[in-house]
Amino acid sequence: MTPPRPTNLPATAPDSETTTSSAATEHVVPAGIHPASEPTIFERSRPGRRSSRLVHDVDVDAALAGVPAALRRDDAPPLPEVAEPTLMRHFVRLSQRNHSIDSGFYPLGSCTMKYNPKVHDEIAAMPAFARLHPLAPPSVTQGLLGMLHELQHAIGELSGLPAVTLQPAAGAHGEFTGLLLMRAFHQERVARGEVESEPLAVLVPDTAHGTNPATVRMAGMRTVSIPTDARGGMDLDAVRAACAEHDVAGLMLTNPNTLGLLDERIREIAAAVHEVGGLLYYDGANLNAIMGKVRPGDMGFDIVHVNVHKTLSTPHGGGGPGAGPVAVAERLAHLLPLPRIVQHPDGHYDVVDHIDGSIGSVSRFFGNVGILVRAWAYVVTHGRDGLRRASELAVVNANYLMELIRDVLPPAFDRSCMHEFVVSAGDVKARTGIRALDIAKRIMDHGYHPPTMYFPILVDEALMIEPTETETRETLEAFAAAIRSVIAEAESDPQTVITAPHTTLVRRMDEARSARQPILVDPYVSERLPAAT
């Protein structure tokens, strides 16, 4: 939903900045701009203003000589004309409307909004990495290839699986790659005559990330949902029954699961799936809880994808570049995507473009290298002991926070959690009518990003909370106090909670309407654009 345009703005907002790159301009001193009344960059435009000026005039005709006539346009695009300070301040103010891990606590369970150390950004921006052309030959890219090879080894050590690809460009892309590997494995079994037909059923817990069943379908297979037992793990009897009833290709599971609980019967689950020829796929979303403590490969998993934004502290999502490396058991190594980095006995690195059986390329070159550099830097700066300590602190922080609020928001399963936990606002709703959504909206007035809501769906009025290892005890205690304050308010002043948030730039929105009737173009900008022809 688009918020209403402020009515206290002049028709054309004043512009206080001047620029040295244009002729003398009138210096206007406007009233301060309130963040809620930020004009569009078009409204701040003034003819003749610019952020820079080329030292030499450009010969436009010569520059366009190689452009086909059909691709040229006679009129200039309707770009705003503003001074650089105007441009900078405008976008900085817009950025400050967003909550981020750099500005405050972000307890978004399952999505793991983990702080990204800025030194890793500096390393990724080094010219040796940032300016290296992807088609440069191995003879001049030994440093980069060595770094990627080291990261592959580190991910292999963390996962307990020896063969690794860095190609997948996101966690969900890593899932898809993993399922393609699973299919290729079974197709080889059919070709060898071990089975008559390719098994296509994939077991998925009812607590799974939504991407899991979606990825199964994208890979041409079908899901079989497995219920959760009384302890919060996969129902072992249901797993065994499904293995007997369906042509099982494999199982998808994150462990600890999305309830933040370690599945205590994982070895028995793995044995049941392996007994019928299936593979175990590990959704690495929750690897942050077990780094250096236990490895998925040792639990019996055959394929693991690693969400480096959740585990190795690279920037998270937002539609930008990501990475989801995949590690596999030795018997699946030949199936991994191409190209691959290999190290020769003399120590130098090379790139292999062909291996029989490979599923082919799933991304260009070696994936999103700028993100992978950050992941490598995180591993190197922490080392083996530091990675283990990060997981220990993540688990300690989650359990401490859970204890601080358990009397007002009880855990869905009364067990020690791992790096995250799920509480239920069902009792609060029964007493006061206040829902998990209302609690999440009101917590924004305290300056915090809301926890994940209504997931997993098997928990009534669920709130999933993950503090990560980087938050201090004081932050956790302050957040707990805010939660307790909101619950107390639900009892004494429910209307304030129902109508929250009250201090944010955009007040409570109609989520259902905004999803069904999105306004994708700012009407104040579209008025200035030429009509479509």
Protein backbone atom coordinates (compact mmCIF):
# COMPACT_ATOMS: atom_id res chain seq x y z
CA MET A 1 0.00 0.00 0.00
CA THR A 2 1.23 3.48 -0.82
CA PRO A 3 0.94 5.90 2.12
CA PRO A 4 -0.99 9.12 1.45
CA ARG A 5 1.07 11.97 0.10
CA PRO A 6 1.75 14.54 2.83
CA THR A 7 -0.51 17.57 2.38
CA ASN A 8 1.89 20.04 4.00
CA LEU A 9 4.41 19.92 1.15
CA PRO A 10 4.74 22.78 -1.30
CA ALA A 11 3.99 21.91 -4.93
CA THR A 12 7.72 21.79 -5.57
CA ALA A 13 9.92 21.11 -2.60
CA PRO A 14 12.69 23.66 -2.01
CA ASP A 15 16.28 22.60 -2.53
CA SER A 16 18.85 24.03 -0.15
CA GLU A 17 22.01 22.53 -1.62
CA THR A 18 24.21 24.33 -4.11
CA THR A 19 26.78 22.84 -6.44
CA THR A 20 30.13 23.99 -7.70
CA SER A 21 29.70 22.13 -10.98
CA SER A 22 27.14 24.50 -12.45
CA ALA A 23 26.67 28.21 -12.82
CA ALA A 24 25.64 30.22 -9.79
CA THR A 25 22.34 28.94 -8.43
CA GLU A 26 19.95 30.53 -6.02
CA HIS A 27 20.67 29.42 -2.46
CA VAL A 28 17.34 28.64 -0.83
CA VAL A 29 17.13 27.75 2.84
CA PRO A 30 14.03 25.60 3.33
CA ALA A 31 12.42 24.38 6.50
CA GLY A 32 13.75 21.05 7.75
CA ILE A 33 12.48 17.99 5.93
CA HIS A 34 10.64 15.51 8.13
CA PRO A 35 11.43 11.92 7.13
CA ALA A 36 7.73 11.17 6.63
CA SER A 37 7.47 14.06 4.17
CA GLU A 38 10.44 13.16 1.98
CA PRO A 39 9.75 14.44 -1.56
CA THR A 40 10.55 12.24 -4.51
CA ILE A 41 13.82 12.90 -6.28
CA PHE A 42 11.77 14.25 -9.21
CA GLU A 43 10.14 16.82 -6.95
CA ARG A 44 13.58 18.00 -5.89
CA SER A 45 14.72 18.38 -9.49
CA ARG A 46 15.71 21.81 -10.88
CA PRO A 47 16.69 22.42 -14.51
CA GLY A 48 20.42 22.79 -14.97
CA ARG A 49 21.54 21.22 -11.70
CA ARG A 50 23.79 18.20 -11.79
CA SER A 51 26.02 16.09 -9.59
CA SER A 52 29.04 16.20 -11.89
CA ARG A 53 30.29 17.67 -15.13
CA LEU A 54 32.59 16.01 -17.64
CA VAL A 55 35.84 17.92 -18.20
CA HIS A 56 35.56 17.49 -21.97
CA ASP A 57 32.42 17.68 -24.05
CA VAL A 58 31.34 14.36 -25.50
CA ASP A 59 30.79 13.99 -29.23
CA VAL A 60 27.34 12.39 -28.99
CA ASP A 61 27.16 11.50 -32.68
CA ALA A 62 30.50 9.73 -32.53
CA ALA A 63 29.53 7.93 -29.33
CA LEU A 64 26.32 6.65 -30.93
CA ALA A 65 27.89 5.71 -34.24
CA GLY A 66 27.93 2.02 -33.38
CA VAL A 67 24.39 1.92 -31.98
CA PRO A 68 21.74 0.63 -34.43
CA ALA A 69 19.20 3.29 -35.38
CA ALA A 70 16.33 1.16 -34.10
CA LEU A 71 17.79 1.27 -30.60
CA ARG A 72 18.34 5.04 -30.49
CA ARG A 73 15.91 7.58 -29.03
CA ASP A 74 15.68 11.23 -29.86
CA ASP A 75 14.34 12.44 -26.52
CA ALA A 76 16.30 12.23 -23.29
CA PRO A 77 14.85 10.08 -20.50
CA PRO A 78 13.04 12.06 -17.77
CA LEU A 79 15.87 11.97 -15.26
CA PRO A 80 15.92 14.31 -12.25
CA GLU A 81 18.42 17.18 -12.23
CA VAL A 82 19.88 17.60 -8.75
CA ALA A 83 23.10 18.53 -7.01
CA GLU A 84 25.16 15.75 -5.47
CA PRO A 85 24.40 16.77 -1.84
CA THR A 86 20.69 16.71 -2.68
CA LEU A 87 21.01 13.27 -4.21
CA MET A 88 23.07 11.88 -1.34
CA ARG A 89 20.86 13.25 1.42
CA HIS A 90 17.71 12.06 -0.31
CA PHE A 91 18.83 8.44 -0.53
CA VAL A 92 20.41 8.44 2.93
CA ARG A 93 17.11 9.65 4.39
CA LEU A 94 15.25 6.94 2.50
CA SER A 95 17.70 4.30 3.75
CA GLN A 96 17.09 5.44 7.32
CA ARG A 97 13.45 4.49 6.99
CA ASN A 98 14.48 0.84 6.96
CA HIS A 99 15.39 -1.25 9.96
CA SER A 100 18.67 -3.09 9.46
CA ILE A 101 21.09 -5.22 11.43
CA ASP A 102 23.42 -2.21 11.43
CA SER A 103 20.83 -0.05 13.17
CA GLY A 104 19.20 -2.38 15.68
CA PHE A 105 18.35 -5.84 17.01
CA TYR A 106 16.86 -8.07 14.33
CA PRO A 107 15.49 -11.27 15.98
CA LEU A 108 14.04 -12.74 12.79
CA GLY A 109 13.89 -16.47 13.47
CA SER A 110 14.85 -18.87 10.68
CA CYS A 111 16.12 -16.01 8.50
CA THR A 112 19.13 -15.37 10.76
CA MET A 113 19.88 -11.67 10.47
CA LYS A 114 23.48 -11.99 11.57
CA TYR A 115 25.78 -8.97 11.83
CA ASN A 116 28.18 -8.63 8.88
CA PRO A 117 31.67 -7.47 9.98
CA LYS A 118 32.72 -4.49 7.89
CA VAL A 119 36.30 -5.67 7.53
CA HIS A 120 34.96 -8.47 5.33
CA ASP A 121 33.37 -5.89 3.04
CA GLU A 122 36.76 -4.18 2.78
CA ILE A 123 38.43 -7.45 1.84
CA ALA A 124 35.81 -8.19 -0.83
CA ALA A 125 36.32 -4.70 -2.25
CA MET A 126 40.06 -5.19 -2.75
CA PRO A 127 40.92 -4.70 -6.44
CA ALA A 128 42.47 -8.15 -6.61
CA PHE A 129 38.99 -9.56 -6.07
CA ALA A 130 36.57 -6.84 -7.15
CA ARG A 131 38.26 -5.95 -10.46
CA LEU A 132 39.20 -9.43 -11.60
CA HIS A 133 37.48 -10.41 -14.84
CA PRO A 134 35.70 -13.79 -14.63
CA LEU A 135 37.25 -14.88 -17.94
CA ALA A 136 40.80 -14.24 -16.77
CA PRO A 137 42.88 -17.43 -17.21
CA PRO A 138 44.07 -19.52 -14.23
CA SER A 139 47.63 -18.31 -14.81
CA VAL A 140 46.68 -14.87 -13.46
CA THR A 141 43.96 -15.89 -10.96
CA GLN A 142 45.92 -18.20 -8.66
CA GLY A 143 45.12 -16.06 -5.62
CA LEU A 144 41.37 -16.11 -6.23
CA LEU A 145 41.31 -19.81 -7.10
CA GLY A 146 43.31 -20.56 -3.97
CA MET A 147 40.88 -18.58 -1.83
CA LEU A 148 37.85 -20.37 -3.32
CA HIS A 149 39.59 -23.73 -2.91
CA GLU A 150 40.24 -22.94 0.77
CA LEU A 151 36.56 -22.01 1.24
CA GLN A 152 35.50 -25.28 -0.38
CA HIS A 153 37.72 -27.16 2.06
CA ALA A 154 36.32 -25.22 5.03
CA ILE A 155 32.72 -25.95 3.99
CA GLY A 156 33.66 -29.59 3.54
CA GLU A 157 35.07 -29.65 7.07
CA LEU A 158 32.00 -27.92 8.56
CA SER A 159 29.58 -30.22 6.76
CA GLY A 160 31.52 -33.45 7.08
CA LEU A 161 31.29 -34.05 3.33
CA PRO A 162 34.37 -33.95 1.06
CA ALA A 163 33.19 -32.57 -2.30
CA VAL A 164 31.91 -28.98 -2.62
CA THR A 165 30.57 -26.62 -5.28
CA LEU A 166 30.36 -22.87 -4.72
CA GLN A 167 28.17 -22.19 -7.75
CA PRO A 168 24.63 -21.86 -6.32
CA ALA A 169 23.67 -18.20 -6.03
CA ALA A 170 21.37 -18.45 -2.98
CA GLY A 171 20.12 -20.86 -0.35
CA ALA A 172 17.07 -21.84 -2.39
CA HIS A 173 19.33 -22.24 -5.43
CA GLY A 174 21.49 -24.54 -3.33
CA GLU A 175 18.38 -26.56 -2.49
CA PHE A 176 17.53 -26.84 -6.16
CA THR A 177 21.07 -27.92 -6.98
CA GLY A 178 20.91 -30.52 -4.22
CA LEU A 179 17.67 -31.96 -5.56
CA LEU A 180 19.10 -32.08 -9.10
CA LEU A 181 22.02 -34.06 -7.68
CA MET A 182 19.58 -36.39 -5.94
CA ARG A 183 17.71 -37.01 -9.21
CA ALA A 184 20.94 -37.56 -11.14
CA PHE A 185 22.06 -40.12 -8.55
CA HIS A 186 18.86 -42.13 -8.97
CA GLN A 187 18.93 -41.81 -12.76
CA GLU A 188 22.37 -43.43 -12.67
CA ARG A 189 20.94 -46.23 -10.53
CA VAL A 190 18.27 -46.84 -13.17
CA ALA A 191 20.91 -46.83 -15.93
CA ARG A 192 22.96 -49.41 -14.04
CA GLY A 193 19.90 -51.62 -13.58
CA GLU A 194 19.86 -51.34 -9.78
CA VAL A 195 16.22 -50.16 -9.80
CA GLU A 196 13.54 -50.43 -12.46
CA SER A 197 12.31 -46.82 -12.27
CA GLU A 198 13.45 -43.55 -10.80
CA PRO A 199 12.06 -42.91 -7.29
CA LEU A 200 10.43 -39.48 -7.06
CA ALA A 201 9.02 -39.18 -3.52
CA VAL A 202 10.85 -36.81 -1.16
CA LEU A 203 10.02 -36.84 2.55
CA VAL A 204 9.65 -33.35 4.02
CA PRO A 205 8.77 -32.51 7.66
CA ASP A 206 5.70 -30.42 8.36
CA THR A 207 7.99 -27.85 10.00
CA ALA A 208 10.07 -27.38 6.82
CA HIS A 209 10.96 -24.06 5.23
CA GLY A 210 8.47 -23.30 2.49
CA THR A 211 11.22 -23.48 -0.09
CA ASN A 212 11.70 -27.20 0.59
CA PRO A 213 8.44 -28.54 -0.93
CA ALA A 214 8.61 -25.88 -3.64
CA THR A 215 12.11 -27.02 -4.61
CA VAL A 216 11.01 -30.64 -4.71
CA ARG A 217 8.32 -29.75 -7.23
CA MET A 218 10.71 -27.63 -9.28
CA ALA A 219 13.06 -30.59 -9.52
CA GLY A 220 10.25 -32.75 -10.90
CA MET A 221 9.56 -34.79 -7.77
CA ARG A 222 6.73 -34.93 -5.25
CA THR A 223 6.58 -34.30 -1.51
CA VAL A 224 5.40 -36.58 1.26
CA SER A 225 4.78 -34.62 4.46
CA ILE A 226 5.99 -36.17 7.73
CA PRO A 227 4.36 -35.03 10.99
CA THR A 228 6.16 -33.78 14.10
CA ASP A 229 6.25 -35.94 17.21
CA ALA A 230 5.61 -34.88 20.80
CA ARG A 231 9.26 -33.89 21.29
CA GLY A 232 9.35 -31.60 18.26
CA GLY A 233 11.28 -33.92 15.93
CA MET A 234 10.27 -35.94 12.88
CA ASP A 235 7.93 -38.81 13.73
CA LEU A 236 10.16 -41.85 13.22
CA ASP A 237 7.25 -44.26 12.80
CA ALA A 238 5.81 -41.99 10.10
CA VAL A 239 9.20 -41.93 8.34
CA ARG A 240 9.38 -45.72 8.34
CA ALA A 241 5.80 -46.01 7.12
CA ALA A 242 6.47 -43.55 4.28
CA CYS A 243 9.61 -45.45 3.27
CA ALA A 244 7.54 -48.63 3.02
CA GLU A 245 4.68 -47.02 1.12
CA HIS A 246 6.41 -44.65 -1.33
CA ASP A 247 9.23 -44.83 -3.88
CA VAL A 248 11.50 -42.66 -1.72
CA ALA A 249 14.23 -40.69 -3.48
CA GLY A 250 15.29 -38.93 -0.31
CA LEU A 251 14.51 -36.78 2.68
CA MET A 252 14.93 -33.04 3.22
CA LEU A 253 15.60 -31.87 6.75
CA THR A 254 17.36 -29.16 8.68
CA ASN A 255 18.78 -30.23 12.01
CA PRO A 256 18.22 -28.44 14.30
CA ASN A 257 14.82 -27.99 12.73
CA THR A 258 12.76 -24.85 12.32
CA LEU A 259 11.44 -25.22 15.84
CA GLY A 260 15.03 -24.68 16.96
CA LEU A 261 15.26 -28.26 18.25
CA LEU A 262 17.86 -30.91 17.53
CA ASP A 263 16.24 -34.05 16.16
CA GLU A 264 17.27 -36.67 18.68
CA ARG A 265 16.59 -39.65 16.39
CA ILE A 266 18.44 -38.49 13.30
CA ARG A 267 20.60 -41.62 13.02
CA GLU A 268 17.52 -43.87 13.02
CA ILE A 269 15.83 -41.60 10.47
CA ALA A 270 18.93 -41.74 8.26
CA ALA A 271 19.06 -45.53 8.51
CA ALA A 272 15.40 -45.84 7.47
CA VAL A 273 15.91 -43.67 4.37
CA HIS A 274 19.22 -45.26 3.36
CA GLU A 275 17.72 -48.75 3.74
CA VAL A 276 15.38 -48.07 0.80
CA GLY A 277 18.13 -46.47 -1.31
CA GLY A 278 17.22 -42.85 -0.58
CA LEU A 279 19.54 -39.92 0.08
CA LEU A 280 19.43 -37.46 2.97
CA TYR A 281 19.52 -33.77 2.06
CA TYR A 282 20.45 -31.25 4.76
CA ASP A 283 18.94 -27.78 4.56
CA GLY A 284 21.84 -25.76 5.93
CA ALA A 285 19.71 -22.88 7.14
CA ASN A 286 20.41 -23.80 10.75
CA LEU A 287 24.07 -24.76 10.50
CA ASN A 288 24.87 -21.70 12.63
CA ALA A 289 23.82 -23.71 15.69
CA ILE A 290 26.28 -26.58 15.25
CA MET A 291 29.45 -25.26 13.58
CA GLY A 292 32.42 -27.14 14.97
CA LYS A 293 30.20 -29.17 17.32
CA VAL A 294 28.62 -31.78 15.04
CA ARG A 295 28.61 -32.28 11.27
CA PRO A 296 25.64 -33.19 9.05
CA GLY A 297 27.78 -35.75 7.22
CA ASP A 298 28.35 -37.53 10.54
CA MET A 299 24.59 -37.57 11.12
CA GLY A 300 24.11 -39.51 7.89
CA PHE A 301 23.37 -36.73 5.39
CA ASP A 302 24.57 -37.16 1.81
CA ILE A 303 23.94 -33.63 0.46
CA VAL A 304 24.26 -30.34 2.35
CA HIS A 305 23.71 -26.77 1.23
CA VAL A 306 25.11 -23.94 3.32
CA ASN A 307 23.39 -20.59 3.64
CA VAL A 308 26.49 -18.47 4.00
CA HIS A 309 24.37 -15.44 4.97
CA LYS A 310 23.04 -17.37 7.96
CA THR A 311 26.24 -19.16 8.90
CA LEU A 312 29.28 -17.32 7.57
CA SER A 313 27.98 -13.76 7.97
CA THR A 314 27.64 -12.57 4.39
CA PRO A 315 24.95 -9.99 3.48
CA HIS A 316 21.43 -11.37 3.60
CA GLY A 317 18.98 -11.40 0.72
CA GLY A 318 16.95 -8.36 -0.23
CA GLY A 319 17.02 -9.49 -3.83
CA GLY A 320 20.76 -8.97 -4.09
CA PRO A 321 23.52 -11.50 -4.71
CA GLY A 322 23.76 -14.47 -2.39
CA ALA A 323 25.49 -17.84 -2.18
CA GLY A 324 24.42 -21.35 -1.27
CA PRO A 325 27.37 -23.75 -1.63
CA VAL A 326 26.60 -27.47 -1.74
CA ALA A 327 28.69 -30.30 -0.26
CA VAL A 328 28.17 -33.98 -1.08
CA ALA A 329 29.40 -37.42 -0.16
CA GLU A 330 32.25 -38.91 -2.20
CA ARG A 331 29.91 -41.15 -4.21
CA LEU A 332 28.13 -38.04 -5.53
CA ALA A 333 31.23 -35.95 -6.24
CA HIS A 334 31.28 -36.62 -10.00
CA LEU A 335 27.75 -35.18 -10.29
CA LEU A 336 28.68 -31.70 -9.01
CA PRO A 337 28.31 -28.69 -11.34
CA LEU A 338 31.06 -27.37 -13.60
CA PRO A 339 33.50 -25.65 -13.71
CA ARG A 340 35.47 -27.00 -10.76
CA ILE A 341 38.67 -25.88 -9.10
CA VAL A 342 41.39 -28.47 -8.62
CA GLN A 343 44.82 -28.24 -7.02
CA HIS A 344 47.73 -30.04 -8.67
CA PRO A 345 50.50 -31.80 -6.71
CA ASP A 346 52.85 -28.87 -7.35
CA GLY A 347 50.40 -26.56 -5.56
CA HIS A 348 49.01 -24.53 -8.46
CA TYR A 349 45.28 -24.36 -9.18
CA ASP A 350 43.41 -25.12 -12.36
CA VAL A 351 39.85 -25.11 -13.67
CA VAL A 352 38.17 -28.26 -14.99
CA ASP A 353 35.37 -27.74 -17.50
CA HIS A 354 34.32 -31.34 -18.17
CA ILE A 355 33.65 -34.36 -15.96
CA ASP A 356 31.46 -37.28 -17.01
CA GLY A 357 28.19 -37.35 -15.10
CA SER A 358 28.14 -33.69 -14.02
CA ILE A 359 24.71 -32.09 -13.90
CA GLY A 360 26.26 -29.14 -15.76
CA SER A 361 26.49 -25.51 -14.76
CA VAL A 362 23.88 -24.04 -12.41
CA SER A 363 25.38 -20.54 -12.33
CA ARG A 364 27.97 -18.53 -14.21
CA PHE A 365 31.62 -19.22 -13.42
CA PHE A 366 32.10 -19.89 -9.68
CA GLY A 367 28.94 -18.20 -8.40
CA ASN A 368 28.78 -14.85 -6.62
CA VAL A 369 32.46 -14.48 -5.82
CA GLY A 370 32.09 -11.18 -3.94
CA ILE A 371 29.85 -12.93 -1.42
CA LEU A 372 32.13 -15.96 -1.24
CA VAL A 373 35.12 -13.74 -0.42
CA ARG A 374 33.22 -12.47 2.62
CA ALA A 375 32.42 -16.03 3.70
CA TRP A 376 36.09 -16.99 3.34
CA ALA A 377 37.10 -13.95 5.39
CA TYR A 378 34.68 -14.94 8.15
CA VAL A 379 36.17 -18.44 8.32
CA VAL A 380 39.75 -17.16 8.30
CA THR A 381 39.20 -14.48 10.95
CA HIS A 382 37.44 -16.92 13.30
CA GLY A 383 39.33 -20.15 12.73
CA ARG A 384 38.12 -23.53 13.93
CA ASP A 385 37.81 -22.53 17.60
CA GLY A 386 36.12 -19.22 16.77
CA LEU A 387 33.46 -20.86 14.61
CA ARG A 388 32.71 -23.34 17.38
CA ARG A 389 32.49 -20.48 19.89
CA ALA A 390 30.08 -18.59 17.63
CA SER A 391 27.69 -21.55 17.66
CA GLU A 392 28.01 -21.95 21.41
CA LEU A 393 27.13 -18.30 21.98
CA ALA A 394 24.21 -18.48 19.54
CA VAL A 395 22.74 -21.37 21.53
CA VAL A 396 23.40 -19.71 24.90
CA ASN A 397 21.79 -16.45 23.75
CA ALA A 398 18.68 -18.22 22.44
CA ASN A 399 18.19 -20.24 25.62
CA TYR A 400 18.75 -17.19 27.83
CA LEU A 401 16.20 -15.13 25.93
CA MET A 402 13.71 -18.00 25.93
CA GLU A 403 13.97 -18.21 29.72
CA LEU A 404 13.44 -14.46 30.09
CA ILE A 405 10.04 -14.54 28.37
CA ARG A 406 8.78 -18.09 28.89
CA ASP A 407 6.28 -17.05 31.60
CA VAL A 408 4.50 -14.64 29.23
CA LEU A 409 5.10 -16.48 25.94
CA PRO A 410 5.61 -20.19 26.62
CA PRO A 411 7.83 -22.26 24.29
CA ALA A 412 5.95 -24.43 21.82
CA PHE A 413 8.03 -27.41 22.98
CA ASP A 414 9.40 -27.27 26.51
CA ARG A 415 12.97 -28.30 25.73
CA SER A 416 16.33 -26.61 25.60
CA CYS A 417 16.54 -24.96 22.21
CA MET A 418 19.45 -24.51 19.86
CA HIS A 419 20.05 -21.16 18.07
CA GLU A 420 16.37 -20.18 17.84
CA PHE A 421 13.09 -20.98 19.54
CA VAL A 422 9.37 -20.81 18.90
CA VAL A 423 6.86 -19.47 21.41
CA SER A 424 3.08 -19.42 21.26
CA ALA A 425 0.85 -16.41 21.82
CA GLY A 426 -2.19 -18.71 21.85
CA ASP A 427 -2.91 -18.18 25.55
CA VAL A 428 -2.53 -14.40 25.18
CA LYS A 429 -5.01 -14.44 22.30
CA ALA A 430 -7.49 -16.55 24.29
CA ARG A 431 -7.36 -14.12 27.23
CA THR A 432 -7.15 -10.77 25.45
CA GLY A 433 -7.83 -11.23 21.74
CA ILE A 434 -4.30 -9.99 21.00
CA ARG A 435 -2.65 -12.03 18.24
CA ALA A 436 0.96 -12.79 17.40
CA LEU A 437 0.65 -10.23 14.58
CA ASP A 438 -0.38 -7.53 17.07
CA ILE A 439 2.55 -8.32 19.35
CA ALA A 440 4.93 -8.14 16.41
CA LYS A 441 3.51 -4.78 15.30
CA ARG A 442 3.71 -3.29 18.78
CA ILE A 443 7.31 -4.41 19.32
CA MET A 444 8.23 -2.08 16.45
CA ASP A 445 7.30 0.87 18.67
CA HIS A 446 10.09 -0.25 20.99
CA GLY A 447 12.63 0.03 18.15
CA TYR A 448 12.98 -3.67 17.34
CA HIS A 449 12.32 -5.61 14.17
CA PRO A 450 9.53 -8.13 14.81
CA PRO A 451 10.28 -11.83 15.14
CA THR A 452 9.07 -14.26 12.47
CA MET A 453 5.30 -14.78 12.75
CA TYR A 454 3.05 -17.80 12.20
CA PHE A 455 5.83 -20.21 11.33
CA PRO A 456 6.00 -23.12 11.68
CA ILE A 457 2.27 -23.30 11.06
CA LEU A 458 1.76 -26.24 13.43
CA VAL A 459 2.27 -23.85 16.40
CA ASP A 460 -0.74 -21.75 17.38
CA GLU A 461 0.03 -18.00 17.09
CA ALA A 462 3.71 -18.74 16.60
CA LEU A 463 6.57 -16.29 17.09
CA MET A 464 10.02 -17.56 16.08
CA ILE A 465 12.91 -15.70 17.71
CA GLU A 466 16.64 -15.90 16.97
CA PRO A 467 19.11 -13.58 18.73
CA THR A 468 22.33 -14.90 17.05
CA GLU A 469 25.71 -14.90 18.80
CA THR A 470 26.55 -11.25 18.23
CA GLU A 471 23.98 -9.68 20.57
CA THR A 472 24.92 -8.64 24.09
CA ARG A 473 23.23 -9.68 27.30
CA GLU A 474 21.97 -6.11 27.73
CA THR A 475 20.29 -6.21 24.31
CA LEU A 476 18.59 -9.51 25.07
CA GLU A 477 17.35 -8.27 28.43
CA ALA A 478 16.04 -5.04 26.91
CA PHE A 479 14.21 -6.96 24.19
CA ALA A 480 12.71 -9.30 26.79
CA ALA A 481 11.54 -6.30 28.79
CA ALA A 482 9.88 -4.89 25.67
CA ILE A 483 8.11 -8.21 25.03
CA ARG A 484 6.89 -8.33 28.61
CA SER A 485 5.69 -4.74 28.32
CA VAL A 486 3.66 -5.55 25.21
CA ILE A 487 2.06 -8.59 26.87
CA ALA A 488 1.17 -6.48 29.92
CA GLU A 489 -0.30 -3.87 27.62
CA ALA A 490 -2.41 -6.55 25.94
CA GLU A 491 -4.05 -7.12 29.32
CA SER A 492 -4.48 -3.47 30.33
CA ASP A 493 -4.76 -1.50 27.06
CA PRO A 494 -5.39 -3.90 24.17
CA GLN A 495 -6.51 -1.15 21.80
CA THR A 496 -3.03 0.35 21.80
CA VAL A 497 -1.58 -3.00 20.76
CA ILE A 498 -4.25 -3.69 18.14
CA THR A 499 -3.59 -0.37 16.40
CA ALA A 500 0.22 -0.51 16.60
CA PRO A 501 2.72 0.53 15.38
CA HIS A 502 2.37 4.19 16.35
CA THR A 503 5.91 5.56 16.03
CA THR A 504 6.92 4.26 12.61
CA LEU A 505 6.85 6.27 9.39
CA VAL A 506 4.19 3.98 7.97
CA ARG A 507 1.43 2.91 10.34
CA ARG A 508 -0.39 -0.41 10.33
CA MET A 509 -1.20 -1.61 6.85
CA ASP A 510 -3.78 -3.96 5.44
CA GLU A 511 -1.45 -6.83 4.54
CA ALA A 512 -4.08 -8.82 2.67
CA ARG A 513 -5.12 -5.87 0.51
CA SER A 514 -1.56 -4.76 -0.18
CA ALA A 515 -0.71 -8.29 -1.35
CA ARG A 516 -3.79 -8.58 -3.56
CA GLN A 517 -3.81 -5.03 -4.90
CA PRO A 518 -0.18 -3.87 -4.98
CA ILE A 519 0.66 -0.40 -6.27
CA LEU A 520 3.92 -1.01 -8.08
CA VAL A 521 4.57 2.48 -9.45
CA ASP A 522 4.76 5.65 -7.39
CA PRO A 523 1.88 7.77 -8.77
CA TYR A 524 3.83 11.00 -8.22
CA VAL A 525 6.66 9.71 -10.41
CA SER A 526 4.44 8.14 -13.05
CA GLU A 527 2.73 11.51 -13.64
CA ARG A 528 6.05 12.85 -14.94
CA LEU A 529 6.79 9.95 -17.25
CA PRO A 530 5.84 10.14 -20.92
CA ALA A 531 2.82 8.15 -22.01
CA ALA A 532 3.56 4.67 -23.34
CA THR A 533 3.49 4.36 -27.12
